[in-house]
PDB file of all heavy atoms in Angstrom:
ATOM      1  N   GLU A   1      -0.927 -15.210   0.768  1.00  0.00           N
ATOM      2  CA  GLU A   1      -1.944 -14.376   0.163  1.00  0.00           C
ATOM      3  C   GLU A   1      -1.541 -12.908   0.192  1.00  0.00           C
ATOM      4  O   GLU A   1      -0.876 -12.441   1.114  1.00  0.00           O
ATOM      5  CB  GLU A   1      -3.291 -14.554   0.875  1.00  0.00           C
ATOM      6  CG  GLU A   1      -3.295 -14.117   2.320  1.00  0.00           C
ATOM      7  CD  GLU A   1      -4.672 -14.169   2.955  1.00  0.00           C
ATOM      8  OE1 GLU A   1      -5.651 -14.434   2.244  1.00  0.00           O
ATOM      9  OE2 GLU A   1      -4.757 -13.950   4.182  1.00  0.00           O
ATOM     10  N   ALA A   2      -1.968 -12.178  -0.835  1.00  0.00           N
ATOM     11  CA  ALA A   2      -1.703 -10.750  -0.917  1.00  0.00           C
ATOM     12  C   ALA A   2      -2.493 -10.002   0.143  1.00  0.00           C
ATOM     13  O   ALA A   2      -3.638 -10.351   0.457  1.00  0.00           O
ATOM     14  CB  ALA A   2      -2.043 -10.228  -2.301  1.00  0.00           C
ATOM     15  N   VAL A   3      -1.887  -8.951   0.686  1.00  0.00           N
ATOM     16  CA  VAL A   3      -2.513  -8.118   1.712  1.00  0.00           C
ATOM     17  C   VAL A   3      -2.782  -6.722   1.178  1.00  0.00           C
ATOM     18  O   VAL A   3      -3.917  -6.246   1.197  1.00  0.00           O
ATOM     19  CB  VAL A   3      -1.637  -8.039   2.974  1.00  0.00           C
ATOM     20  CG1 VAL A   3      -2.265  -7.101   4.000  1.00  0.00           C
ATOM     21  CG2 VAL A   3      -1.422  -9.425   3.562  1.00  0.00           C
ATOM     22  N   ALA A   4      -1.733  -6.044   0.719  1.00  0.00           N
ATOM     23  CA  ALA A   4      -1.852  -4.677   0.234  1.00  0.00           C
ATOM     24  C   ALA A   4      -0.639  -4.357  -0.610  1.00  0.00           C
ATOM     25  O   ALA A   4       0.421  -4.971  -0.453  1.00  0.00           O
ATOM     26  CB  ALA A   4      -1.973  -3.680   1.394  1.00  0.00           C
ATOM     27  N   SER A   5      -0.771  -3.382  -1.498  1.00  0.00           N
ATOM     28  CA  SER A   5       0.349  -2.958  -2.326  1.00  0.00           C
ATOM     29  C   SER A   5       0.204  -1.492  -2.669  1.00  0.00           C
ATOM     30  O   SER A   5      -0.883  -0.916  -2.559  1.00  0.00           O
ATOM     31  CB  SER A   5       0.460  -3.808  -3.600  1.00  0.00           C
ATOM     32  OG  SER A   5      -0.723  -3.734  -4.372  1.00  0.00           O
ATOM     33  N   ILE A   6       1.317  -0.894  -3.099  1.00  0.00           N
ATOM     34  CA  ILE A   6       1.336   0.528  -3.395  1.00  0.00           C
ATOM     35  C   ILE A   6       2.380   0.831  -4.462  1.00  0.00           C
ATOM     36  O   ILE A   6       3.453   0.227  -4.486  1.00  0.00           O
ATOM     37  CB  ILE A   6       1.618   1.360  -2.116  1.00  0.00           C
ATOM     38  CG1 ILE A   6       1.517   2.858  -2.390  1.00  0.00           C
ATOM     39  CG2 ILE A   6       2.991   1.005  -1.531  1.00  0.00           C
ATOM     40  CD1 ILE A   6       1.560   3.715  -1.127  1.00  0.00           C
ATOM     41  N   TYR A   7       2.054   1.773  -5.359  1.00  0.00           N
ATOM     42  CA  TYR A   7       3.054   2.335  -6.255  1.00  0.00           C
ATOM     43  C   TYR A   7       3.861   3.371  -5.475  1.00  0.00           C
ATOM     44  O   TYR A   7       3.297   4.346  -4.963  1.00  0.00           O
ATOM     45  CB  TYR A   7       2.395   3.005  -7.458  1.00  0.00           C
ATOM     46  CG  TYR A   7       1.937   2.059  -8.540  1.00  0.00           C
ATOM     47  CD1 TYR A   7       0.639   1.566  -8.560  1.00  0.00           C
ATOM     48  CD2 TYR A   7       2.811   1.681  -9.554  1.00  0.00           C
ATOM     49  CE1 TYR A   7       0.232   0.702  -9.559  1.00  0.00           C
ATOM     50  CE2 TYR A   7       2.402   0.821 -10.555  1.00  0.00           C
ATOM     51  CZ  TYR A   7       1.114   0.337 -10.550  1.00  0.00           C
ATOM     52  OH  TYR A   7       0.703  -0.515 -11.549  1.00  0.00           O
ATOM     53  N   LEU A   8       5.175   3.165  -5.362  1.00  0.00           N
ATOM     54  CA  LEU A   8       5.998   4.098  -4.609  1.00  0.00           C
ATOM     55  C   LEU A   8       6.006   5.485  -5.240  1.00  0.00           C
ATOM     56  O   LEU A   8       6.126   6.482  -4.533  1.00  0.00           O
ATOM     57  CB  LEU A   8       7.425   3.577  -4.486  1.00  0.00           C
ATOM     58  CG  LEU A   8       7.616   2.395  -3.535  1.00  0.00           C
ATOM     59  CD1 LEU A   8       9.080   1.998  -3.465  1.00  0.00           C
ATOM     60  CD2 LEU A   8       7.092   2.721  -2.141  1.00  0.00           C
ATOM     61  N   TYR A   9       5.888   5.564  -6.566  1.00  0.00           N
ATOM     62  CA  TYR A   9       5.694   6.829  -7.260  1.00  0.00           C
ATOM     63  C   TYR A   9       4.206   6.970  -7.565  1.00  0.00           C
ATOM     64  O   TYR A   9       3.639   6.177  -8.311  1.00  0.00           O
ATOM     65  CB  TYR A   9       6.495   6.896  -8.562  1.00  0.00           C
ATOM     66  CG  TYR A   9       7.985   6.983  -8.373  1.00  0.00           C
ATOM     67  CD1 TYR A   9       8.749   5.843  -8.178  1.00  0.00           C
ATOM     68  CD2 TYR A   9       8.632   8.216  -8.406  1.00  0.00           C
ATOM     69  CE1 TYR A   9      10.122   5.924  -8.014  1.00  0.00           C
ATOM     70  CE2 TYR A   9      10.006   8.303  -8.242  1.00  0.00           C
ATOM     71  CZ  TYR A   9      10.745   7.152  -8.047  1.00  0.00           C
ATOM     72  OH  TYR A   9      12.113   7.237  -7.885  1.00  0.00           O
ATOM     73  N   GLY A  10       3.581   7.975  -6.974  1.00  0.00           N
ATOM     74  CA  GLY A  10       2.176   8.234  -7.211  1.00  0.00           C
ATOM     75  C   GLY A  10       1.260   7.811  -6.088  1.00  0.00           C
ATOM     76  O   GLY A  10       0.225   8.456  -5.858  1.00  0.00           O
ATOM     77  N   GLY A  11       1.599   6.735  -5.398  1.00  0.00           N
ATOM     78  CA  GLY A  11       0.889   6.358  -4.192  1.00  0.00           C
ATOM     79  C   GLY A  11      -0.420   5.613  -4.371  1.00  0.00           C
ATOM     80  O   GLY A  11      -1.173   5.461  -3.398  1.00  0.00           O
ATOM     81  N   ARG A  12      -0.720   5.139  -5.567  1.00  0.00           N
ATOM     82  CA  ARG A  12      -1.941   4.363  -5.748  1.00  0.00           C
ATOM     83  C   ARG A  12      -1.855   3.075  -4.941  1.00  0.00           C
ATOM     84  O   ARG A  12      -0.826   2.395  -4.950  1.00  0.00           O
ATOM     85  CB  ARG A  12      -2.158   4.052  -7.224  1.00  0.00           C
ATOM     86  CG  ARG A  12      -3.434   3.289  -7.527  1.00  0.00           C
ATOM     87  CD  ARG A  12      -3.699   3.248  -9.022  1.00  0.00           C
ATOM     88  NE  ARG A  12      -4.807   2.387  -9.360  1.00  0.00           N
ATOM     89  CZ  ARG A  12      -6.081   2.734  -9.283  1.00  0.00           C
ATOM     90  NH1 ARG A  12      -6.406   3.965  -8.870  1.00  0.00           N
ATOM     91  NH2 ARG A  12      -7.030   1.884  -9.620  1.00  0.00           N
ATOM     92  N   THR A  13      -2.942   2.731  -4.238  1.00  0.00           N
ATOM     93  CA  THR A  13      -2.941   1.615  -3.300  1.00  0.00           C
ATOM     94  C   THR A  13      -3.978   0.568  -3.656  1.00  0.00           C
ATOM     95  O   THR A  13      -4.976   0.847  -4.323  1.00  0.00           O
ATOM     96  CB  THR A  13      -3.199   2.097  -1.864  1.00  0.00           C
ATOM     97  OG1 THR A  13      -4.457   2.784  -1.815  1.00  0.00           O
ATOM     98  CG2 THR A  13      -2.100   3.037  -1.405  1.00  0.00           C
ATOM     99  N   PHE A  14      -3.742  -0.637  -3.155  1.00  0.00           N
ATOM    100  CA  PHE A  14      -4.625  -1.777  -3.376  1.00  0.00           C
ATOM    101  C   PHE A  14      -4.677  -2.595  -2.098  1.00  0.00           C
ATOM    102  O   PHE A  14      -3.675  -2.754  -1.411  1.00  0.00           O
ATOM    103  CB  PHE A  14      -4.111  -2.648  -4.531  1.00  0.00           C
ATOM    104  CG  PHE A  14      -3.843  -1.888  -5.795  1.00  0.00           C
ATOM    105  CD1 PHE A  14      -2.613  -1.286  -6.005  1.00  0.00           C
ATOM    106  CD2 PHE A  14      -4.812  -1.763  -6.773  1.00  0.00           C
ATOM    107  CE1 PHE A  14      -2.354  -0.573  -7.161  1.00  0.00           C
ATOM    108  CE2 PHE A  14      -4.572  -1.053  -7.935  1.00  0.00           C
ATOM    109  CZ  PHE A  14      -3.344  -0.458  -8.130  1.00  0.00           C
ATOM    110  N   TYR A  15      -5.871  -3.130  -1.778  1.00  0.00           N
ATOM    111  CA  TYR A  15      -6.063  -3.900  -0.562  1.00  0.00           C
ATOM    112  C   TYR A  15      -6.868  -5.152  -0.843  1.00  0.00           C
ATOM    113  O   TYR A  15      -7.766  -5.160  -1.684  1.00  0.00           O
ATOM    114  CB  TYR A  15      -6.810  -3.084   0.500  1.00  0.00           C
ATOM    115  CG  TYR A  15      -6.092  -1.841   0.950  1.00  0.00           C
ATOM    116  CD1 TYR A  15      -6.357  -0.614   0.353  1.00  0.00           C
ATOM    117  CD2 TYR A  15      -5.157  -1.893   1.975  1.00  0.00           C
ATOM    118  CE1 TYR A  15      -5.698   0.531   0.765  1.00  0.00           C
ATOM    119  CE2 TYR A  15      -4.499  -0.749   2.391  1.00  0.00           C
ATOM    120  CZ  TYR A  15      -4.774   0.461   1.780  1.00  0.00           C
ATOM    121  OH  TYR A  15      -4.118   1.591   2.197  1.00  0.00           O
ATOM    122  N   SER A  16      -6.566  -6.207  -0.105  1.00  0.00           N
ATOM    123  CA  SER A  16      -7.399  -7.391  -0.163  1.00  0.00           C
ATOM    124  C   SER A  16      -8.700  -7.120   0.583  1.00  0.00           C
ATOM    125  O   SER A  16      -8.773  -6.258   1.465  1.00  0.00           O
ATOM    126  CB  SER A  16      -6.677  -8.590   0.450  1.00  0.00           C
ATOM    127  OG  SER A  16      -6.515  -8.414   1.850  1.00  0.00           O
ATOM    128  N   ASN A  17      -9.734  -7.876   0.245  1.00  0.00           N
ATOM    129  CA  ASN A  17     -11.023  -7.686   0.894  1.00  0.00           C
ATOM    130  C   ASN A  17     -10.947  -7.936   2.403  1.00  0.00           C
ATOM    131  O   ASN A  17     -11.649  -7.285   3.184  1.00  0.00           O
ATOM    132  CB  ASN A  17     -12.068  -8.608   0.278  1.00  0.00           C
ATOM    133  CG  ASN A  17     -12.450  -8.197  -1.131  1.00  0.00           C
ATOM    134  OD1 ASN A  17     -12.320  -7.037  -1.508  1.00  0.00           O
ATOM    135  ND2 ASN A  17     -12.941  -9.151  -1.910  1.00  0.00           N
ATOM    136  N   SER A  18     -10.095  -8.852   2.832  1.00  0.00           N
ATOM    137  CA  SER A  18     -10.037  -9.223   4.236  1.00  0.00           C
ATOM    138  C   SER A  18      -9.457  -8.137   5.131  1.00  0.00           C
ATOM    139  O   SER A  18      -9.714  -8.145   6.336  1.00  0.00           O
ATOM    140  CB  SER A  18      -9.245 -10.517   4.413  1.00  0.00           C
ATOM    141  OG  SER A  18      -7.909 -10.355   3.970  1.00  0.00           O
ATOM    142  N   VAL A  19      -8.679  -7.206   4.579  1.00  0.00           N
ATOM    143  CA  VAL A  19      -8.054  -6.163   5.388  1.00  0.00           C
ATOM    144  C   VAL A  19      -8.551  -4.774   5.039  1.00  0.00           C
ATOM    145  O   VAL A  19      -8.232  -3.813   5.761  1.00  0.00           O
ATOM    146  CB  VAL A  19      -6.516  -6.199   5.283  1.00  0.00           C
ATOM    147  CG1 VAL A  19      -5.984  -7.591   5.575  1.00  0.00           C
ATOM    148  CG2 VAL A  19      -6.045  -5.708   3.916  1.00  0.00           C
ATOM    149  N   ASN A  20      -9.312  -4.642   3.983  1.00  0.00           N
ATOM    150  CA  ASN A  20      -9.795  -3.339   3.551  1.00  0.00           C
ATOM    151  C   ASN A  20     -10.574  -2.652   4.673  1.00  0.00           C
ATOM    152  O   ASN A  20     -11.457  -3.247   5.283  1.00  0.00           O
ATOM    153  CB  ASN A  20     -10.681  -3.482   2.316  1.00  0.00           C
ATOM    154  CG  ASN A  20     -11.033  -2.146   1.696  1.00  0.00           C
ATOM    155  OD1 ASN A  20     -10.182  -1.288   1.529  1.00  0.00           O
ATOM    156  ND2 ASN A  20     -12.306  -1.978   1.338  1.00  0.00           N
ATOM    157  N   GLY A  21     -10.213  -1.401   4.954  1.00  0.00           N
ATOM    158  CA  GLY A  21     -10.844  -0.646   6.020  1.00  0.00           C
ATOM    159  C   GLY A  21     -10.136  -0.747   7.348  1.00  0.00           C
ATOM    160  O   GLY A  21     -10.408   0.055   8.248  1.00  0.00           O
ATOM    161  N   ARG A  22      -9.244  -1.721   7.497  1.00  0.00           N
ATOM    162  CA  ARG A  22      -8.496  -1.899   8.743  1.00  0.00           C
ATOM    163  C   ARG A  22      -7.007  -1.617   8.582  1.00  0.00           C
ATOM    164  O   ARG A  22      -6.363  -1.169   9.523  1.00  0.00           O
ATOM    165  CB  ARG A  22      -8.679  -3.314   9.281  1.00  0.00           C
ATOM    166  CG  ARG A  22     -10.122  -3.668   9.609  1.00  0.00           C
ATOM    167  CD  ARG A  22     -10.231  -5.021  10.298  1.00  0.00           C
ATOM    168  NE  ARG A  22      -9.770  -6.105   9.429  1.00  0.00           N
ATOM    169  CZ  ARG A  22      -8.737  -6.900   9.713  1.00  0.00           C
ATOM    170  NH1 ARG A  22      -8.055  -6.735  10.844  1.00  0.00           N
ATOM    171  NH2 ARG A  22      -8.387  -7.866   8.873  1.00  0.00           N
ATOM    172  N   PHE A  23      -6.461  -1.908   7.410  1.00  0.00           N
ATOM    173  CA  PHE A  23      -5.038  -1.694   7.132  1.00  0.00           C
ATOM    174  C   PHE A  23      -4.871  -0.508   6.199  1.00  0.00           C
ATOM    175  O   PHE A  23      -5.721  -0.252   5.339  1.00  0.00           O
ATOM    176  CB  PHE A  23      -4.416  -2.922   6.469  1.00  0.00           C
ATOM    177  CG  PHE A  23      -4.303  -4.146   7.342  1.00  0.00           C
ATOM    178  CD1 PHE A  23      -4.904  -4.214   8.587  1.00  0.00           C
ATOM    179  CD2 PHE A  23      -3.582  -5.243   6.896  1.00  0.00           C
ATOM    180  CE1 PHE A  23      -4.804  -5.347   9.375  1.00  0.00           C
ATOM    181  CE2 PHE A  23      -3.470  -6.377   7.674  1.00  0.00           C
ATOM    182  CZ  PHE A  23      -4.080  -6.431   8.912  1.00  0.00           C
ATOM    183  N   THR A  24      -3.758   0.205   6.342  1.00  0.00           N
ATOM    184  CA  THR A  24      -3.427   1.316   5.471  1.00  0.00           C
ATOM    185  C   THR A  24      -1.974   1.199   5.039  1.00  0.00           C
ATOM    186  O   THR A  24      -1.079   1.107   5.882  1.00  0.00           O
ATOM    187  CB  THR A  24      -3.642   2.668   6.171  1.00  0.00           C
ATOM    188  OG1 THR A  24      -4.990   2.772   6.629  1.00  0.00           O
ATOM    189  CG2 THR A  24      -3.358   3.815   5.205  1.00  0.00           C
ATOM    190  N   ILE A  25      -1.742   1.214   3.732  1.00  0.00           N
ATOM    191  CA  ILE A  25      -0.385   1.175   3.217  1.00  0.00           C
ATOM    192  C   ILE A  25      -0.022   2.555   2.683  1.00  0.00           C
ATOM    193  O   ILE A  25      -0.820   3.196   1.993  1.00  0.00           O
ATOM    194  CB  ILE A  25      -0.203   0.080   2.145  1.00  0.00           C
ATOM    195  CG1 ILE A  25       1.274  -0.060   1.757  1.00  0.00           C
ATOM    196  CG2 ILE A  25      -1.078   0.326   0.929  1.00  0.00           C
ATOM    197  CD1 ILE A  25       1.575  -1.287   0.907  1.00  0.00           C
ATOM    198  N   THR A  26       1.166   3.034   3.027  1.00  0.00           N
ATOM    199  CA  THR A  26       1.684   4.304   2.551  1.00  0.00           C
ATOM    200  C   THR A  26       3.096   4.089   2.042  1.00  0.00           C
ATOM    201  O   THR A  26       3.727   3.076   2.330  1.00  0.00           O
ATOM    202  CB  THR A  26       1.680   5.377   3.651  1.00  0.00           C
ATOM    203  OG1 THR A  26       2.429   4.916   4.776  1.00  0.00           O
ATOM    204  CG2 THR A  26       0.257   5.693   4.093  1.00  0.00           C
ATOM    205  N   GLY A  27       3.600   5.052   1.281  1.00  0.00           N
ATOM    206  CA  GLY A  27       4.935   4.912   0.731  1.00  0.00           C
ATOM    207  C   GLY A  27       5.602   6.242   0.484  1.00  0.00           C
ATOM    208  O   GLY A  27       4.949   7.282   0.426  1.00  0.00           O
ATOM    209  N   ASN A  28       6.908   6.195   0.340  1.00  0.00           N
ATOM    210  CA  ASN A  28       7.712   7.367   0.042  1.00  0.00           C
ATOM    211  C   ASN A  28       8.816   6.929  -0.915  1.00  0.00           C
ATOM    212  O   ASN A  28       9.697   6.154  -0.548  1.00  0.00           O
ATOM    213  CB  ASN A  28       8.299   7.968   1.313  1.00  0.00           C
ATOM    214  CG  ASN A  28       9.069   9.242   1.057  1.00  0.00           C
ATOM    215  OD1 ASN A  28      10.137   9.223   0.447  1.00  0.00           O
ATOM    216  ND2 ASN A  28       8.530  10.361   1.526  1.00  0.00           N
ATOM    217  N   ASN A  29       8.774   7.439  -2.154  1.00  0.00           N
ATOM    218  CA  ASN A  29       9.732   6.994  -3.152  1.00  0.00           C
ATOM    219  C   ASN A  29      11.151   7.470  -2.855  1.00  0.00           C
ATOM    220  O   ASN A  29      12.117   6.768  -3.152  1.00  0.00           O
ATOM    221  CB  ASN A  29       9.303   7.441  -4.558  1.00  0.00           C
ATOM    222  CG  ASN A  29       9.172   8.947  -4.688  1.00  0.00           C
ATOM    223  OD1 ASN A  29       8.146   9.527  -4.339  1.00  0.00           O
ATOM    224  ND2 ASN A  29      10.208   9.587  -5.203  1.00  0.00           N
ATOM    225  N   ALA A  30      11.283   8.669  -2.275  1.00  0.00           N
ATOM    226  CA  ALA A  30      12.609   9.179  -1.949  1.00  0.00           C
ATOM    227  C   ALA A  30      13.295   8.292  -0.913  1.00  0.00           C
ATOM    228  O   ALA A  30      14.512   8.106  -0.955  1.00  0.00           O
ATOM    229  CB  ALA A  30      12.520  10.616  -1.456  1.00  0.00           C
ATOM    230  N   GLN A  31      12.522   7.762   0.025  1.00  0.00           N
ATOM    231  CA  GLN A  31      13.057   6.874   1.046  1.00  0.00           C
ATOM    232  C   GLN A  31      13.048   5.415   0.610  1.00  0.00           C
ATOM    233  O   GLN A  31      13.566   4.561   1.340  1.00  0.00           O
ATOM    234  CB  GLN A  31      12.255   7.025   2.342  1.00  0.00           C
ATOM    235  CG  GLN A  31      12.313   8.402   2.959  1.00  0.00           C
ATOM    236  CD  GLN A  31      11.468   8.509   4.215  1.00  0.00           C
ATOM    237  OE1 GLN A  31      10.469   9.204   4.261  1.00  0.00           O
ATOM    238  NE2 GLN A  31      11.875   7.789   5.253  1.00  0.00           N
ATOM    239  N   LYS A  32      12.439   5.132  -0.534  1.00  0.00           N
ATOM    240  CA  LYS A  32      12.295   3.760  -1.030  1.00  0.00           C
ATOM    241  C   LYS A  32      11.649   2.879   0.027  1.00  0.00           C
ATOM    242  O   LYS A  32      12.044   1.725   0.228  1.00  0.00           O
ATOM    243  CB  LYS A  32      13.656   3.184  -1.443  1.00  0.00           C
ATOM    244  CG  LYS A  32      14.391   3.990  -2.501  1.00  0.00           C
ATOM    245  CD  LYS A  32      15.729   3.347  -2.847  1.00  0.00           C
ATOM    246  CE  LYS A  32      16.522   4.190  -3.822  1.00  0.00           C
ATOM    247  NZ  LYS A  32      17.842   3.555  -4.139  1.00  0.00           N
ATOM    248  N   THR A  33      10.639   3.401   0.692  1.00  0.00           N
ATOM    249  CA  THR A  33      10.056   2.755   1.858  1.00  0.00           C
ATOM    250  C   THR A  33       8.539   2.756   1.781  1.00  0.00           C
ATOM    251  O   THR A  33       7.928   3.722   1.316  1.00  0.00           O
ATOM    252  CB  THR A  33      10.495   3.461   3.147  1.00  0.00           C
ATOM    253  OG1 THR A  33      11.921   3.384   3.280  1.00  0.00           O
ATOM    254  CG2 THR A  33       9.861   2.826   4.372  1.00  0.00           C
ATOM    255  N   ALA A  34       7.941   1.677   2.247  1.00  0.00           N
ATOM    256  CA  ALA A  34       6.504   1.601   2.456  1.00  0.00           C
ATOM    257  C   ALA A  34       6.229   1.171   3.880  1.00  0.00           C
ATOM    258  O   ALA A  34       7.048   0.487   4.508  1.00  0.00           O
ATOM    259  CB  ALA A  34       5.849   0.638   1.477  1.00  0.00           C
TER     260      ALA A  34
END
């Protein structure tokens, strides 16, 4: 099942209902890392 996702450019994020409010996804396009 999906948990969370992010656009590495721009930083728009998405969360599943089960983790929303508890998990945080971040990213950095220069580092190609989330």
